[in-house]
Protein backbone atom coordinates (compact mmCIF):
# COMPACT_ATOMS: atom_id res chain seq x y z
CA MET A 1 -42.55 19.19 111.26
CA LYS A 2 -39.59 17.68 109.41
CA PRO A 3 -41.50 16.96 106.14
CA ALA A 4 -42.75 20.55 106.04
CA LEU A 5 -39.24 21.87 106.59
CA LEU A 6 -37.80 19.63 103.85
CA ALA A 7 -40.52 20.76 101.44
CA LEU A 8 -39.69 24.38 102.21
CA PHE A 9 -36.00 23.78 101.46
CA ALA A 10 -36.88 22.03 98.20
CA LEU A 11 -39.01 24.97 97.08
CA ALA A 12 -36.36 27.49 98.09
CA GLY A 13 -33.70 25.58 96.12
CA SER A 14 -35.77 25.40 92.96
CA ALA A 15 -36.45 29.14 92.98
CA HIS A 16 -32.81 29.80 92.14
CA ALA A 17 -32.31 27.00 89.63
CA ALA A 18 -29.85 27.74 86.85
CA THR A 19 -27.53 25.96 84.43
CA THR A 20 -23.78 26.54 84.15
CA CYS A 21 -21.80 25.63 81.01
CA THR A 22 -18.02 25.88 80.51
CA ASP A 23 -16.33 25.76 77.10
CA GLY A 24 -14.13 27.60 74.63
CA VAL A 25 -15.54 30.18 72.21
CA LYS A 26 -15.98 28.86 68.67
CA GLN A 27 -17.62 31.83 66.94
CA ILE A 28 -18.62 35.44 67.58
CA THR A 29 -21.11 37.09 65.23
CA ALA A 30 -22.37 40.68 65.28
CA ASP A 31 -25.69 41.64 63.72
CA VAL A 32 -25.19 45.28 62.84
CA GLY A 33 -28.52 45.69 61.06
CA GLY A 34 -31.78 46.60 62.70
CA ASN A 35 -31.45 43.75 65.20
CA ALA A 36 -28.24 45.12 66.79
CA ARG A 37 -27.30 41.96 68.72
CA PHE A 38 -24.19 39.86 69.00
CA TYR A 39 -24.03 36.08 69.21
CA VAL A 40 -21.43 33.86 70.88
CA LEU A 41 -21.27 30.13 70.15
CA PHE A 42 -19.16 27.73 72.21
CA SER A 43 -17.35 24.70 70.80
CA GLY A 44 -19.78 22.29 72.46
CA GLY A 45 -22.92 23.94 71.12
CA ALA A 46 -23.97 26.25 73.96
CA GLY A 47 -24.16 29.95 73.29
CA PHE A 48 -25.87 33.22 73.96
CA ASP A 49 -27.05 36.33 72.24
CA ILE A 50 -27.28 39.74 73.82
CA PRO A 51 -28.45 43.18 72.61
CA GLN A 52 -25.74 45.67 71.69
CA SER A 53 -26.80 48.21 74.29
CA GLY A 54 -25.80 49.13 77.83
CA GLU A 55 -22.61 48.09 79.58
CA ALA A 56 -23.33 44.35 79.97
CA TYR A 57 -22.84 43.59 76.28
CA LYS A 58 -19.45 45.35 76.23
CA ILE A 59 -18.22 43.21 79.11
CA ALA A 60 -19.56 39.98 77.59
CA LEU A 61 -18.14 40.83 74.14
CA THR A 62 -14.73 41.65 75.62
CA MET A 63 -14.64 38.40 77.59
CA ALA A 64 -15.79 36.33 74.58
CA SER A 65 -13.24 38.00 72.27
CA THR A 66 -10.42 37.45 74.76
CA SER A 67 -11.46 33.80 75.16
CA LYS A 68 -11.48 33.31 71.38
CA LEU A 69 -8.02 34.87 70.97
CA THR A 70 -6.32 33.16 73.93
CA GLY A 71 -8.05 29.77 73.99
CA GLU A 72 -9.20 30.31 77.58
CA ARG A 73 -12.55 28.80 78.46
CA LEU A 74 -15.52 30.77 79.75
CA THR A 75 -18.25 29.74 82.12
CA ILE A 76 -21.74 31.03 81.42
CA THR A 77 -24.83 30.68 83.54
CA TYR A 78 -28.32 30.54 82.09
CA ALA A 79 -31.35 31.48 84.20
CA ALA A 80 -33.16 28.29 83.18
CA ASP A 81 -32.56 24.98 84.91
CA LYS A 82 -31.42 21.82 83.08
CA VAL A 83 -30.28 23.49 79.83
CA ASN A 84 -28.43 21.02 77.58
CA CYS A 85 -24.96 22.58 77.30
CA ALA A 86 -24.16 20.39 74.30
CA GLY A 87 -27.01 21.73 72.22
CA ALA A 88 -28.31 24.90 73.83
CA GLY A 89 -27.63 27.11 70.80
CA TYR A 90 -28.06 30.85 71.13
CA ARG A 91 -30.02 31.65 74.28
CA THR A 92 -31.12 34.99 75.67
CA ASP A 93 -31.32 34.08 79.37
CA LEU A 94 -27.62 34.65 80.17
CA VAL A 95 -27.21 35.82 83.76
CA ARG A 96 -23.46 35.45 84.36
CA ILE A 97 -20.22 35.10 82.42
CA SER A 98 -16.85 34.36 83.99
CA THR A 99 -13.44 32.94 83.22
CA ALA A 100 -12.97 29.21 83.73
CA ASP A 101 -10.22 27.57 85.75
CA GLU A 102 -8.42 25.70 82.98
CA PRO A 103 -7.57 26.66 79.37
CA THR A 104 -8.78 24.60 76.40
CA ARG A 105 -5.25 24.07 75.05
């Protein structure tokens, strides 16, 4: 019974796998052409891009802009597991963005 229960817990844990990266914002770019997306790149190489539609992009853009201006770090969570935060580049599977505990300064 115990091996079956452990296997069930292992499967349940992997269903919600994600990667969290924390860093300061290095660059914000807006594509105002037909693509209508904005891109945020962190100092360590992680980043995300998001369409310029709906309310989610306004919140993410505001948080990224504030981070860039103040030097505060952000924490982002990707849906994928085991993303390399040092070289993730612009990803589209952003599921959460939040302020970090400590500033970069």
